[in-house]
Amino acid sequence: MIETIRFWTIVVLLGLGVFFTLVSTVGVIRLPDIYARAHTASQTDTLGAGFALAAVAVAFGWQQAAVYTVLLLFFVFITNPTAAHAIARSAAETGVEPILADDPDDEPDAAVEPEGETR
């Protein structure tokens, strides 16, 4: 009975980890600018890695490897959002403008014609 509960706990944690990692991947591919991409990477990717590492810790049980896995989990929770913040701050300091939803000229797929030229 205990092994069944442990097995399904591992399956659920891994499923949540895969789900949040997939959401993060889709967000990084679909979102328009560095700020939105850093946001999704810091939140959902951290959750995905967190759930996957929690599943690994449950799978190891009370062993030394599980302690290292939990320490790695805390490391990911601290460094991943910090790195995303550093990337977004660096983009802001170098002058990267966010793409606003109400400005159709800022769409990444929009063709931009140089000023003064006509067709």
PDB file of N, CA and C in Angstrom:
ATOM      1  N   MET A   1       0.823  -1.199   0.000  1.00  0.00           N
ATOM      2  CA  MET A   1       0.000   0.000   0.000  1.00  0.00           C
ATOM      3  C   MET A   1       0.860   1.252   0.000  1.00  0.00           C
ATOM      4  N   ILE A   2       1.899   1.284   0.834  1.00  0.00           N
ATOM      5  CA  ILE A   2       2.781   2.445   0.920  1.00  0.00           C
ATOM      6  C   ILE A   2       3.533   2.646  -0.395  1.00  0.00           C
ATOM      7  N   GLU A   3       3.976   1.550  -1.012  1.00  0.00           N
ATOM      8  CA  GLU A   3       4.692   1.647  -2.283  1.00  0.00           C
ATOM      9  C   GLU A   3       3.785   2.178  -3.384  1.00  0.00           C
ATOM     10  N   THR A   4       2.508   1.849  -3.344  1.00  0.00           N
ATOM     11  CA  THR A   4       1.567   2.357  -4.334  1.00  0.00           C
ATOM     12  C   THR A   4       1.378   3.864  -4.180  1.00  0.00           C
ATOM     13  N   ILE A   5       1.249   4.332  -2.946  1.00  0.00           N
ATOM     14  CA  ILE A   5       1.103   5.764  -2.693  1.00  0.00           C
ATOM     15  C   ILE A   5       2.373   6.491  -3.114  1.00  0.00           C
ATOM     16  N   ARG A   6       3.520   5.911  -2.797  1.00  0.00           N
ATOM     17  CA  ARG A   6       4.798   6.523  -3.184  1.00  0.00           C
ATOM     18  C   ARG A   6       4.941   6.569  -4.700  1.00  0.00           C
ATOM     19  N   PHE A   7       4.565   5.483  -5.377  1.00  0.00           N
ATOM     20  CA  PHE A   7       4.637   5.432  -6.831  1.00  0.00           C
ATOM     21  C   PHE A   7       3.765   6.523  -7.455  1.00  0.00           C
ATOM     22  N   TRP A   8       2.523   6.659  -7.004  1.00  0.00           N
ATOM     23  CA  TRP A   8       1.620   7.649  -7.592  1.00  0.00           C
ATOM     24  C   TRP A   8       2.019   9.070  -7.221  1.00  0.00           C
ATOM     25  N   THR A   9       2.646   9.239  -6.076  1.00  0.00           N
ATOM     26  CA  THR A   9       3.180  10.558  -5.729  1.00  0.00           C
ATOM     27  C   THR A   9       4.289  10.942  -6.696  1.00  0.00           C
ATOM     28  N   ILE A  10       5.162  10.000  -7.002  1.00  0.00           N
ATOM     29  CA  ILE A  10       6.239  10.252  -7.965  1.00  0.00           C
ATOM     30  C   ILE A  10       5.670  10.555  -9.344  1.00  0.00           C
ATOM     31  N   VAL A  11       4.669   9.794  -9.769  1.00  0.00           N
ATOM     32  CA  VAL A  11       4.058  10.003 -11.082  1.00  0.00           C
ATOM     33  C   VAL A  11       3.405  11.386 -11.162  1.00  0.00           C
ATOM     34  N   VAL A  12       2.675  11.775 -10.128  1.00  0.00           N
ATOM     35  CA  VAL A  12       2.009  13.086 -10.127  1.00  0.00           C
ATOM     36  C   VAL A  12       3.041  14.207 -10.130  1.00  0.00           C
ATOM     37  N   LEU A  13       4.079  14.093  -9.309  1.00  0.00           N
ATOM     38  CA  LEU A  13       5.110  15.133  -9.279  1.00  0.00           C
ATOM     39  C   LEU A  13       5.838  15.240 -10.621  1.00  0.00           C
ATOM     40  N   LEU A  14       6.166  14.119 -11.229  1.00  0.00           N
ATOM     41  CA  LEU A  14       6.805  14.156 -12.541  1.00  0.00           C
ATOM     42  C   LEU A  14       5.864  14.712 -13.606  1.00  0.00           C
ATOM     43  N   GLY A  15       4.589  14.348 -13.528  1.00  0.00           N
ATOM     44  CA  GLY A  15       3.609  14.896 -14.469  1.00  0.00           C
ATOM     45  C   GLY A  15       3.495  16.408 -14.352  1.00  0.00           C
ATOM     46  N   LEU A  16       3.458  16.911 -13.121  1.00  0.00           N
ATOM     47  CA  LEU A  16       3.421  18.361 -12.917  1.00  0.00           C
ATOM     48  C   LEU A  16       4.705  19.019 -13.416  1.00  0.00           C
ATOM     49  N   GLY A  17       5.837  18.369 -13.182  1.00  0.00           N
ATOM     50  CA  GLY A  17       7.102  18.904 -13.671  1.00  0.00           C
ATOM     51  C   GLY A  17       7.141  18.993 -15.182  1.00  0.00           C
ATOM     52  N   VAL A  18       6.684  17.962 -15.858  1.00  0.00           N
ATOM     53  CA  VAL A  18       6.648  17.963 -17.321  1.00  0.00           C
ATOM     54  C   VAL A  18       5.661  19.013 -17.826  1.00  0.00           C
ATOM     55  N   PHE A  19       4.505  19.132 -17.174  1.00  0.00           N
ATOM     56  CA  PHE A  19       3.502  20.122 -17.586  1.00  0.00           C
ATOM     57  C   PHE A  19       4.052  21.543 -17.497  1.00  0.00           C
ATOM     58  N   PHE A  20       4.634  21.903 -16.355  1.00  0.00           N
ATOM     59  CA  PHE A  20       5.136  23.264 -16.196  1.00  0.00           C
ATOM     60  C   PHE A  20       6.339  23.533 -17.098  1.00  0.00           C
ATOM     61  N   THR A  21       7.165  22.532 -17.347  1.00  0.00           N
ATOM     62  CA  THR A  21       8.273  22.716 -18.267  1.00  0.00           C
ATOM     63  C   THR A  21       7.761  22.910 -19.689  1.00  0.00           C
ATOM     64  N   LEU A  22       6.723  22.184 -20.070  1.00  0.00           N
ATOM     65  CA  LEU A  22       6.109  22.362 -21.386  1.00  0.00           C
ATOM     66  C   LEU A  22       5.494  23.753 -21.518  1.00  0.00           C
ATOM     67  N   VAL A  23       4.809  24.222 -20.474  1.00  0.00           N
ATOM     68  CA  VAL A  23       4.229  25.567 -20.496  1.00  0.00           C
ATOM     69  C   VAL A  23       5.334  26.608 -20.627  1.00  0.00           C
ATOM     70  N   SER A  24       6.433  26.408 -19.934  1.00  0.00           N
ATOM     71  CA  SER A  24       7.562  27.329 -20.031  1.00  0.00           C
ATOM     72  C   SER A  24       8.138  27.346 -21.440  1.00  0.00           C
ATOM     73  N   THR A  25       8.269  26.183 -22.037  1.00  0.00           N
ATOM     74  CA  THR A  25       8.801  26.093 -23.390  1.00  0.00           C
ATOM     75  C   THR A  25       7.909  26.805 -24.385  1.00  0.00           C
ATOM     76  N   VAL A  26       6.612  26.573 -24.293  1.00  0.00           N
ATOM     77  CA  VAL A  26       5.667  27.252 -25.184  1.00  0.00           C
ATOM     78  C   VAL A  26       5.708  28.759 -24.950  1.00  0.00           C
ATOM     79  N   GLY A  27       5.819  29.183 -23.696  1.00  0.00           N
ATOM     80  CA  GLY A  27       5.892  30.605 -23.393  1.00  0.00           C
ATOM     81  C   GLY A  27       7.132  31.259 -23.960  1.00  0.00           C
ATOM     82  N   VAL A  28       8.262  30.604 -23.858  1.00  0.00           N
ATOM     83  CA  VAL A  28       9.494  31.175 -24.389  1.00  0.00           C
ATOM     84  C   VAL A  28       9.429  31.267 -25.914  1.00  0.00           C
ATOM     85  N   ILE A  29       8.792  30.308 -26.549  1.00  0.00           N
ATOM     86  CA  ILE A  29       8.687  30.330 -28.009  1.00  0.00           C
ATOM     87  C   ILE A  29       7.658  31.361 -28.473  1.00  0.00           C
ATOM     88  N   ARG A  30       6.526  31.461 -27.795  1.00  0.00           N
ATOM     89  CA  ARG A  30       5.416  32.279 -28.275  1.00  0.00           C
ATOM     90  C   ARG A  30       5.423  33.735 -27.824  1.00  0.00           C
ATOM     91  N   LEU A  31       6.018  34.046 -26.692  1.00  0.00           N
ATOM     92  CA  LEU A  31       5.936  35.408 -26.173  1.00  0.00           C
ATOM     93  C   LEU A  31       6.841  36.346 -26.965  1.00  0.00           C
ATOM     94  N   PRO A  32       6.452  37.633 -27.060  1.00  0.00           N
ATOM     95  CA  PRO A  32       7.068  38.509 -28.046  1.00  0.00           C
ATOM     96  C   PRO A  32       8.409  39.142 -27.670  1.00  0.00           C
ATOM     97  N   ASP A  33       8.693  39.363 -26.396  1.00  0.00           N
ATOM     98  CA  ASP A  33       9.910  40.095 -26.070  1.00  0.00           C
ATOM     99  C   ASP A  33      10.652  39.454 -24.899  1.00  0.00           C
ATOM    100  N   ILE A  34      11.825  40.009 -24.618  1.00  0.00           N
ATOM    101  CA  ILE A  34      12.715  39.431 -23.600  1.00  0.00           C
ATOM    102  C   ILE A  34      12.097  39.462 -22.207  1.00  0.00           C
ATOM    103  N   TYR A  35      11.303  40.483 -21.929  1.00  0.00           N
ATOM    104  CA  TYR A  35      10.736  40.622 -20.586  1.00  0.00           C
ATOM    105  C   TYR A  35       9.679  39.536 -20.318  1.00  0.00           C
ATOM    106  N   ALA A  36       8.820  39.293 -21.267  1.00  0.00           N
ATOM    107  CA  ALA A  36       7.811  38.252 -21.103  1.00  0.00           C
ATOM    108  C   ALA A  36       8.458  36.871 -21.085  1.00  0.00           C
ATOM    109  N   ARG A  37       9.469  36.686 -21.903  1.00  0.00           N
ATOM    110  CA  ARG A  37      10.160  35.389 -21.929  1.00  0.00           C
ATOM    111  C   ARG A  37      10.900  35.124 -20.630  1.00  0.00           C
ATOM    112  N   ALA A  38      11.530  36.154 -20.082  1.00  0.00           N
ATOM    113  CA  ALA A  38      12.226  35.981 -18.798  1.00  0.00           C
ATOM    114  C   ALA A  38      11.223  35.680 -17.691  1.00  0.00           C
ATOM    115  N   HIS A  39      10.047  36.290 -17.777  1.00  0.00           N
ATOM    116  CA  HIS A  39       9.010  36.059 -16.774  1.00  0.00           C
ATOM    117  C   HIS A  39       8.549  34.604 -16.785  1.00  0.00           C
ATOM    118  N   THR A  40       8.219  34.090 -17.964  1.00  0.00           N
ATOM    119  CA  THR A  40       7.748  32.703 -18.028  1.00  0.00           C
ATOM    120  C   THR A  40       8.870  31.722 -17.694  1.00  0.00           C
ATOM    121  N   ALA A  41      10.082  32.045 -18.094  1.00  0.00           N
ATOM    122  CA  ALA A  41      11.195  31.132 -17.792  1.00  0.00           C
ATOM    123  C   ALA A  41      11.477  31.083 -16.304  1.00  0.00           C
ATOM    124  N   SER A  42      11.332  32.221 -15.627  1.00  0.00           N
ATOM    125  CA  SER A  42      11.645  32.215 -14.203  1.00  0.00           C
ATOM    126  C   SER A  42      10.561  31.537 -13.382  1.00  0.00           C
ATOM    127  N   GLN A  43       9.323  31.660 -13.790  1.00  0.00           N
ATOM    128  CA  GLN A  43       8.242  31.085 -12.971  1.00  0.00           C
ATOM    129  C   GLN A  43       7.964  29.629 -13.310  1.00  0.00           C
ATOM    130  N   THR A  44       7.545  29.378 -14.528  1.00  0.00           N
ATOM    131  CA  THR A  44       7.101  28.022 -14.846  1.00  0.00           C
ATOM    132  C   THR A  44       8.251  27.031 -14.946  1.00  0.00           C
ATOM    133  N   ASP A  45       9.400  27.490 -15.411  1.00  0.00           N
ATOM    134  CA  ASP A  45      10.539  26.581 -15.489  1.00  0.00           C
ATOM    135  C   ASP A  45      11.029  26.205 -14.095  1.00  0.00           C
ATOM    136  N   THR A  46      10.973  27.153 -13.170  1.00  0.00           N
ATOM    137  CA  THR A  46      11.341  26.859 -11.790  1.00  0.00           C
ATOM    138  C   THR A  46      10.373  25.857 -11.175  1.00  0.00           C
ATOM    139  N   LEU A  47       9.092  26.034 -11.448  1.00  0.00           N
ATOM    140  CA  LEU A  47       8.111  25.068 -10.941  1.00  0.00           C
ATOM    141  C   LEU A  47       8.316  23.689 -11.560  1.00  0.00           C
ATOM    142  N   GLY A  48       8.571  23.651 -12.865  1.00  0.00           N
ATOM    143  CA  GLY A  48       8.791  22.367 -13.528  1.00  0.00           C
ATOM    144  C   GLY A  48       9.991  21.635 -12.962  1.00  0.00           C
ATOM    145  N   ALA A  49      11.097  22.347 -12.814  1.00  0.00           N
ATOM    146  CA  ALA A  49      12.288  21.730 -12.233  1.00  0.00           C
ATOM    147  C   ALA A  49      12.050  21.355 -10.775  1.00  0.00           C
ATOM    148  N   GLY A  50      11.308  22.184 -10.061  1.00  0.00           N
ATOM    149  CA  GLY A  50      11.024  21.902  -8.657  1.00  0.00           C
ATOM    150  C   GLY A  50      10.218  20.635  -8.467  1.00  0.00           C
ATOM    151  N   PHE A  51       9.168  20.485  -9.265  1.00  0.00           N
ATOM    152  CA  PHE A  51       8.354  19.268  -9.159  1.00  0.00           C
ATOM    153  C   PHE A  51       9.149  18.028  -9.583  1.00  0.00           C
ATOM    154  N   ALA A  52       9.960  18.148 -10.629  1.00  0.00           N
ATOM    155  CA  ALA A  52      10.760  16.999 -11.073  1.00  0.00           C
ATOM    156  C   ALA A  52      11.789  16.607 -10.009  1.00  0.00           C
ATOM    157  N   LEU A  53      12.440  17.603  -9.414  1.00  0.00           N
ATOM    158  CA  LEU A  53      13.410  17.286  -8.359  1.00  0.00           C
ATOM    159  C   LEU A  53      12.727  16.744  -7.104  1.00  0.00           C
ATOM    160  N   ALA A  54      11.526  17.221  -6.827  1.00  0.00           N
ATOM    161  CA  ALA A  54      10.781  16.662  -5.694  1.00  0.00           C
ATOM    162  C   ALA A  54      10.442  15.195  -5.953  1.00  0.00           C
ATOM    163  N   ALA A  55      10.090  14.863  -7.196  1.00  0.00           N
ATOM    164  CA  ALA A  55       9.813  13.464  -7.536  1.00  0.00           C
ATOM    165  C   ALA A  55      11.063  12.604  -7.377  1.00  0.00           C
ATOM    166  N   VAL A  56      12.201  13.144  -7.773  1.00  0.00           N
ATOM    167  CA  VAL A  56      13.454  12.407  -7.612  1.00  0.00           C
ATOM    168  C   VAL A  56      13.755  12.180  -6.135  1.00  0.00           C
ATOM    169  N   ALA A  57      13.536  13.208  -5.311  1.00  0.00           N
ATOM    170  CA  ALA A  57      13.782  13.066  -3.869  1.00  0.00           C
ATOM    171  C   ALA A  57      12.865  12.020  -3.255  1.00  0.00           C
ATOM    172  N   VAL A  58      11.600  11.992  -3.668  1.00  0.00           N
ATOM    173  CA  VAL A  58      10.669  10.980  -3.155  1.00  0.00           C
ATOM    174  C   VAL A  58      11.094   9.594  -3.632  1.00  0.00           C
ATOM    175  N   ALA A  59      11.579   9.493  -4.869  1.00  0.00           N
ATOM    176  CA  ALA A  59      12.001   8.198  -5.404  1.00  0.00           C
ATOM    177  C   ALA A  59      13.222   7.659  -4.656  1.00  0.00           C
ATOM    178  N   PHE A  60      14.149   8.550  -4.264  1.00  0.00           N
ATOM    179  CA  PHE A  60      15.332   8.106  -3.529  1.00  0.00           C
ATOM    180  C   PHE A  60      15.011   7.696  -2.100  1.00  0.00           C
ATOM    181  N   GLY A  61      13.980   8.261  -1.525  1.00  0.00           N
ATOM    182  CA  GLY A  61      13.660   7.944  -0.138  1.00  0.00           C
ATOM    183  C   GLY A  61      14.614   8.660   0.804  1.00  0.00           C
ATOM    184  N   TRP A  62      14.871   8.054   1.956  1.00  0.00           N
ATOM    185  CA  TRP A  62      15.738   8.675   2.953  1.00  0.00           C
ATOM    186  C   TRP A  62      17.167   8.237   2.739  1.00  0.00           C
ATOM    187  N   GLN A  63      17.773   8.741   1.680  1.00  0.00           N
ATOM    188  CA  GLN A  63      19.167   8.465   1.376  1.00  0.00           C
ATOM    189  C   GLN A  63      19.919   9.780   1.265  1.00  0.00           C
ATOM    190  N   GLN A  64      21.213   9.674   1.175  1.00  0.00           N
ATOM    191  CA  GLN A  64      22.041  10.863   1.047  1.00  0.00           C
ATOM    192  C   GLN A  64      21.768  11.578  -0.283  1.00  0.00           C
ATOM    193  N   ALA A  65      21.469  10.838  -1.330  1.00  0.00           N
ATOM    194  CA  ALA A  65      21.166  11.444  -2.631  1.00  0.00           C
ATOM    195  C   ALA A  65      19.905  12.300  -2.566  1.00  0.00           C
ATOM    196  N   ALA A  66      18.941  11.915  -1.744  1.00  0.00           N
ATOM    197  CA  ALA A  66      17.718  12.711  -1.596  1.00  0.00           C
ATOM    198  C   ALA A  66      18.023  14.050  -0.939  1.00  0.00           C
ATOM    199  N   VAL A  67      18.952  14.064   0.003  1.00  0.00           N
ATOM    200  CA  VAL A  67      19.354  15.321   0.650  1.00  0.00           C
ATOM    201  C   VAL A  67      20.010  16.239  -0.381  1.00  0.00           C
ATOM    202  N   TYR A  68      20.868  15.694  -1.224  1.00  0.00           N
ATOM    203  CA  TYR A  68      21.491  16.494  -2.276  1.00  0.00           C
ATOM    204  C   TYR A  68      20.446  17.011  -3.269  1.00  0.00           C
ATOM    205  N   THR A  69      19.450  16.202  -3.557  1.00  0.00           N
ATOM    206  CA  THR A  69      18.389  16.624  -4.466  1.00  0.00           C
ATOM    207  C   THR A  69      17.587  17.773  -3.876  1.00  0.00           C
ATOM    208  N   VAL A  70      17.277  17.718  -2.599  1.00  0.00           N
ATOM    209  CA  VAL A  70      16.550  18.812  -1.943  1.00  0.00           C
ATOM    210  C   VAL A  70      17.406  20.074  -1.918  1.00  0.00           C
ATOM    211  N   LEU A  71      18.705  19.944  -1.678  1.00  0.00           N
ATOM    212  CA  LEU A  71      19.596  21.104  -1.733  1.00  0.00           C
ATOM    213  C   LEU A  71      19.643  21.695  -3.142  1.00  0.00           C
ATOM    214  N   LEU A  72      19.662  20.844  -4.145  1.00  0.00           N
ATOM    215  CA  LEU A  72      19.614  21.308  -5.526  1.00  0.00           C
ATOM    216  C   LEU A  72      18.295  22.011  -5.818  1.00  0.00           C
ATOM    217  N   LEU A  73      17.219  21.514  -5.247  1.00  0.00           N
ATOM    218  CA  LEU A  73      15.908  22.149  -5.407  1.00  0.00           C
ATOM    219  C   LEU A  73      15.919  23.570  -4.851  1.00  0.00           C
ATOM    220  N   PHE A  74      16.468  23.762  -3.657  1.00  0.00           N
ATOM    221  CA  PHE A  74      16.572  25.106  -3.093  1.00  0.00           C
ATOM    222  C   PHE A  74      17.483  25.997  -3.933  1.00  0.00           C
ATOM    223  N   PHE A  75      18.552  25.435  -4.459  1.00  0.00           N
ATOM    224  CA  PHE A  75      19.456  26.185  -5.321  1.00  0.00           C
ATOM    225  C   PHE A  75      18.729  26.671  -6.571  1.00  0.00           C
ATOM    226  N   VAL A  76      17.930  25.815  -7.189  1.00  0.00           N
ATOM    227  CA  VAL A  76      17.163  26.198  -8.380  1.00  0.00           C
ATOM    228  C   VAL A  76      16.148  27.279  -8.033  1.00  0.00           C
ATOM    229  N   PHE A  77      15.471  27.151  -6.885  1.00  0.00           N
ATOM    230  CA  PHE A  77      14.486  28.151  -6.483  1.00  0.00           C
ATOM    231  C   PHE A  77      15.111  29.522  -6.240  1.00  0.00           C
ATOM    232  N   ILE A  78      16.369  29.554  -5.876  1.00  0.00           N
ATOM    233  CA  ILE A  78      17.029  30.833  -5.625  1.00  0.00           C
ATOM    234  C   ILE A  78      17.653  31.391  -6.910  1.00  0.00           C
ATOM    235  N   THR A  79      18.334  30.558  -7.673  1.00  0.00           N
ATOM    236  CA  THR A  79      19.107  31.063  -8.809  1.00  0.00           C
ATOM    237  C   THR A  79      18.280  31.322 -10.066  1.00  0.00           C
ATOM    238  N   ASN A  80      17.265  30.538 -10.339  1.00  0.00           N
ATOM    239  CA  ASN A  80      16.508  30.704 -11.579  1.00  0.00           C
ATOM    240  C   ASN A  80      15.797  32.055 -11.637  1.00  0.00           C
ATOM    241  N   PRO A  81      15.031  32.464 -10.629  1.00  0.00           N
ATOM    242  CA  PRO A  81      14.424  33.800 -10.688  1.00  0.00           C
ATOM    243  C   PRO A  81      15.457  34.923 -10.642  1.00  0.00           C
ATOM    244  N   THR A  82      16.555  34.709  -9.936  1.00  0.00           N
ATOM    245  CA  THR A  82      17.602  35.724  -9.876  1.00  0.00           C
ATOM    246  C   THR A  82      18.244  35.921 -11.246  1.00  0.00           C
ATOM    247  N   ALA A  83      18.487  34.849 -11.954  1.00  0.00           N
ATOM    248  CA  ALA A  83      19.057  34.946 -13.298  1.00  0.00           C
ATOM    249  C   ALA A  83      18.094  35.629 -14.259  1.00  0.00           C
ATOM    250  N   ALA A  84      16.806  35.300 -14.174  1.00  0.00           N
ATOM    251  CA  ALA A  84      15.819  35.946 -15.043  1.00  0.00           C
ATOM    252  C   ALA A  84      15.731  37.443 -14.745  1.00  0.00           C
ATOM    253  N   HIS A  85      15.814  37.812 -13.472  1.00  0.00           N
ATOM    254  CA  HIS A  85      15.808  39.225 -13.107  1.00  0.00           C
ATOM    255  C   HIS A  85      17.046  39.926 -13.672  1.00  0.00           C
ATOM    256  N   ALA A  86      18.196  39.288 -13.588  1.00  0.00           N
ATOM    257  CA  ALA A  86      19.423  39.886 -14.108  1.00  0.00           C
ATOM    258  C   ALA A  86      19.344  40.073 -15.622  1.00  0.00           C
ATOM    259  N   ILE A  87      18.763  39.113 -16.318  1.00  0.00           N
ATOM    260  CA  ILE A  87      18.612  39.222 -17.770  1.00  0.00           C
ATOM    261  C   ILE A  87      17.668  40.367 -18.121  1.00  0.00           C
ATOM    262  N   ALA A  88      16.542  40.455 -17.431  1.00  0.00           N
ATOM    263  CA  ALA A  88      15.580  41.530 -17.709  1.00  0.00           C
ATOM    264  C   ALA A  88      16.173  42.893 -17.358  1.00  0.00           C
ATOM    265  N   ARG A  89      16.895  42.971 -16.278  1.00  0.00           N
ATOM    266  CA  ARG A  89      17.511  44.247 -15.892  1.00  0.00           C
ATOM    267  C   ARG A  89      18.581  44.660 -16.899  1.00  0.00           C
ATOM    268  N   SER A  90      19.355  43.704 -17.370  1.00  0.00           N
ATOM    269  CA  SER A  90      20.363  43.992 -18.381  1.00  0.00           C
ATOM    270  C   SER A  90      19.717  44.476 -19.671  1.00  0.00           C
ATOM    271  N   ALA A  91      18.603  43.857 -20.056  1.00  0.00           N
ATOM    272  CA  ALA A  91      17.887  44.301 -21.255  1.00  0.00           C
ATOM    273  C   ALA A  91      17.364  45.721 -21.072  1.00  0.00           C
ATOM    274  N   ALA A  92      16.853  46.037 -19.897  1.00  0.00           N
ATOM    275  CA  ALA A  92      16.342  47.384 -19.637  1.00  0.00           C
ATOM    276  C   ALA A  92      17.469  48.409 -19.647  1.00  0.00           C
ATOM    277  N   GLU A  93      18.609  48.069 -19.082  1.00  0.00           N
ATOM    278  CA  GLU A  93      19.740  49.003 -19.038  1.00  0.00           C
ATOM    279  C   GLU A  93      20.369  49.236 -20.399  1.00  0.00           C
ATOM    280  N   THR A  94      20.245  48.285 -21.309  1.00  0.00           N
ATOM    281  CA  THR A  94      20.786  48.470 -22.655  1.00  0.00           C
ATOM    282  C   THR A  94      19.787  49.092 -23.608  1.00  0.00           C
ATOM    283  N   GLY A  95      18.577  49.390 -23.112  1.00  0.00           N
ATOM    284  CA  GLY A  95      17.604  50.116 -23.920  1.00  0.00           C
ATOM    285  C   GLY A  95      16.627  49.277 -24.709  1.00  0.00           C
ATOM    286  N   VAL A  96      16.494  48.020 -24.387  1.00  0.00           N
ATOM    287  CA  VAL A  96      15.529  47.167 -25.081  1.00  0.00           C
ATOM    288  C   VAL A  96      14.128  47.573 -24.629  1.00  0.00           C
ATOM    289  N   GLU A  97      13.292  47.964 -25.575  1.00  0.00           N
ATOM    290  CA  GLU A  97      11.931  48.400 -25.266  1.00  0.00           C
ATOM    291  C   GLU A  97      10.984  47.203 -25.267  1.00  0.00           C
ATOM    292  N   PRO A  98      10.060  47.151 -24.315  1.00  0.00           N
ATOM    293  CA  PRO A  98       9.070  46.069 -24.340  1.00  0.00           C
ATOM    294  C   PRO A  98       8.070  46.275 -25.467  1.00  0.00           C
ATOM    295  N   ILE A  99       7.545  45.189 -25.973  1.00  0.00           N
ATOM    296  CA  ILE A  99       6.519  45.255 -27.012  1.00  0.00           C
ATOM    297  C   ILE A  99       5.176  45.396 -26.313  1.00  0.00           C
ATOM    298  N   LEU A 100       4.469  46.462 -26.627  1.00  0.00           N
ATOM    299  CA  LEU A 100       3.194  46.745 -25.987  1.00  0.00           C
ATOM    300  C   LEU A 100       2.051  46.215 -26.840  1.00  0.00           C
ATOM    301  N   ALA A 101       1.009  45.755 -26.203  1.00  0.00           N
ATOM    302  CA  ALA A 101      -0.106  45.134 -26.921  1.00  0.00           C
ATOM    303  C   ALA A 101      -0.902  46.142 -27.739  1.00  0.00           C
ATOM    304  N   ASP A 102      -0.942  47.406 -27.325  1.00  0.00           N
ATOM    305  CA  ASP A 102      -1.769  48.381 -28.031  1.00  0.00           C
ATOM    306  C   ASP A 102      -1.037  49.086 -29.164  1.00  0.00           C
ATOM    307  N   ASP A 103       0.209  48.719 -29.443  1.00  0.00           N
ATOM    308  CA  ASP A 103       0.971  49.340 -30.510  1.00  0.00           C
ATOM    309  C   ASP A 103       1.232  48.303 -31.601  1.00  0.00           C
ATOM    310  N   PRO A 104       0.437  48.298 -32.692  1.00  0.00           N
ATOM    311  CA  PRO A 104       0.597  47.254 -33.707  1.00  0.00           C
ATOM    312  C   PRO A 104       1.906  47.365 -34.488  1.00  0.00           C
ATOM    313  N   ASP A 105       2.570  48.528 -34.450  1.00  0.00           N
ATOM    314  CA  ASP A 105       3.838  48.670 -35.168  1.00  0.00           C
ATOM    315  C   ASP A 105       4.980  47.927 -34.491  1.00  0.00           C
ATOM    316  N   ASP A 106       4.814  47.571 -33.239  1.00  0.00           N
ATOM    317  CA  ASP A 106       5.873  46.893 -32.500  1.00  0.00           C
ATOM    318  C   ASP A 106       5.826  45.372 -32.620  1.00  0.00           C
ATOM    319  N   GLU A 107       4.920  44.864 -33.429  1.00  0.00           N
ATOM    320  CA  GLU A 107       4.841  43.422 -33.599  1.00  0.00           C
ATOM    321  C   GLU A 107       6.132  42.917 -34.225  1.00  0.00           C
ATOM    322  N   PRO A 108       6.675  41.804 -33.757  1.00  0.00           N
ATOM    323  CA  PRO A 108       7.940  41.317 -34.299  1.00  0.00           C
ATOM    324  C   PRO A 108       7.844  40.885 -35.753  1.00  0.00           C
ATOM    325  N   ASP A 109       6.654  40.517 -36.228  1.00  0.00           N
ATOM    326  CA  ASP A 109       6.502  40.057 -37.605  1.00  0.00           C
ATOM    327  C   ASP A 109       6.172  41.191 -38.570  1.00  0.00           C
ATOM    328  N   ALA A 110       5.916  42.399 -38.040  1.00  0.00           N
ATOM    329  CA  ALA A 110       5.544  43.522 -38.891  1.00  0.00           C
ATOM    330  C   ALA A 110       6.760  43.984 -39.686  1.00  0.00           C
ATOM    331  N   ALA A 111       6.527  44.249 -40.974  1.00  0.00           N
ATOM    332  CA  ALA A 111       7.602  44.742 -41.824  1.00  0.00           C
ATOM    333  C   ALA A 111       7.814  46.225 -41.545  1.00  0.00           C
ATOM    334  N   VAL A 112       9.046  46.600 -41.335  1.00  0.00           N
ATOM    335  CA  VAL A 112       9.373  47.985 -41.030  1.00  0.00           C
ATOM    336  C   VAL A 112      10.064  48.576 -42.257  1.00  0.00           C
ATOM    337  N   GLU A 113       9.483  49.669 -42.791  1.00  0.00           N
ATOM    338  CA  GLU A 113      10.098  50.329 -43.941  1.00  0.00           C
ATOM    339  C   GLU A 113      10.923  51.505 -43.445  1.00  0.00           C
ATOM    340  N   PRO A 114      12.090  51.702 -44.016  1.00  0.00           N
ATOM    341  CA  PRO A 114      12.898  52.855 -43.616  1.00  0.00           C
ATOM    342  C   PRO A 114      12.192  54.162 -43.970  1.00  0.00           C
ATOM    343  N   GLU A 115      12.436  55.187 -43.176  1.00  0.00           N
ATOM    344  CA  GLU A 115      11.804  56.467 -43.417  1.00  0.00           C
ATOM    345  C   GLU A 115      12.319  57.087 -44.698  1.00  0.00           C
ATOM    346  N   GLY A 116      11.410  57.764 -45.416  1.00  0.00           N
ATOM    347  CA  GLY A 116      11.800  58.491 -46.626  1.00  0.00           C
ATOM    348  C   GLY A 116      11.748  57.649 -47.878  1.00  0.00           C
ATOM    349  N   GLU A 117      11.603  56.353 -47.788  1.00  0.00           N
ATOM    350  CA  GLU A 117      11.537  55.518 -48.984  1.00  0.00           C
ATOM    351  C   GLU A 117      10.085  55.174 -49.297  1.00  0.00           C
ATOM    352  N   THR A 118       9.744  55.203 -50.544  1.00  0.00           N
ATOM    353  CA  THR A 118       8.393  54.817 -50.981  1.00  0.00           C
ATOM    354  C   THR A 118       8.502  53.731 -52.008  1.00  0.00           C
ATOM    355  N   ARG A 119       7.454  53.009 -52.165  1.00  0.00           N
ATOM    356  CA  ARG A 119       7.452  51.905 -53.139  1.00  0.00           C
ATOM    357  C   ARG A 119       6.845  52.336 -54.421  1.00  0.00           C
TER     358      ARG A 119
END
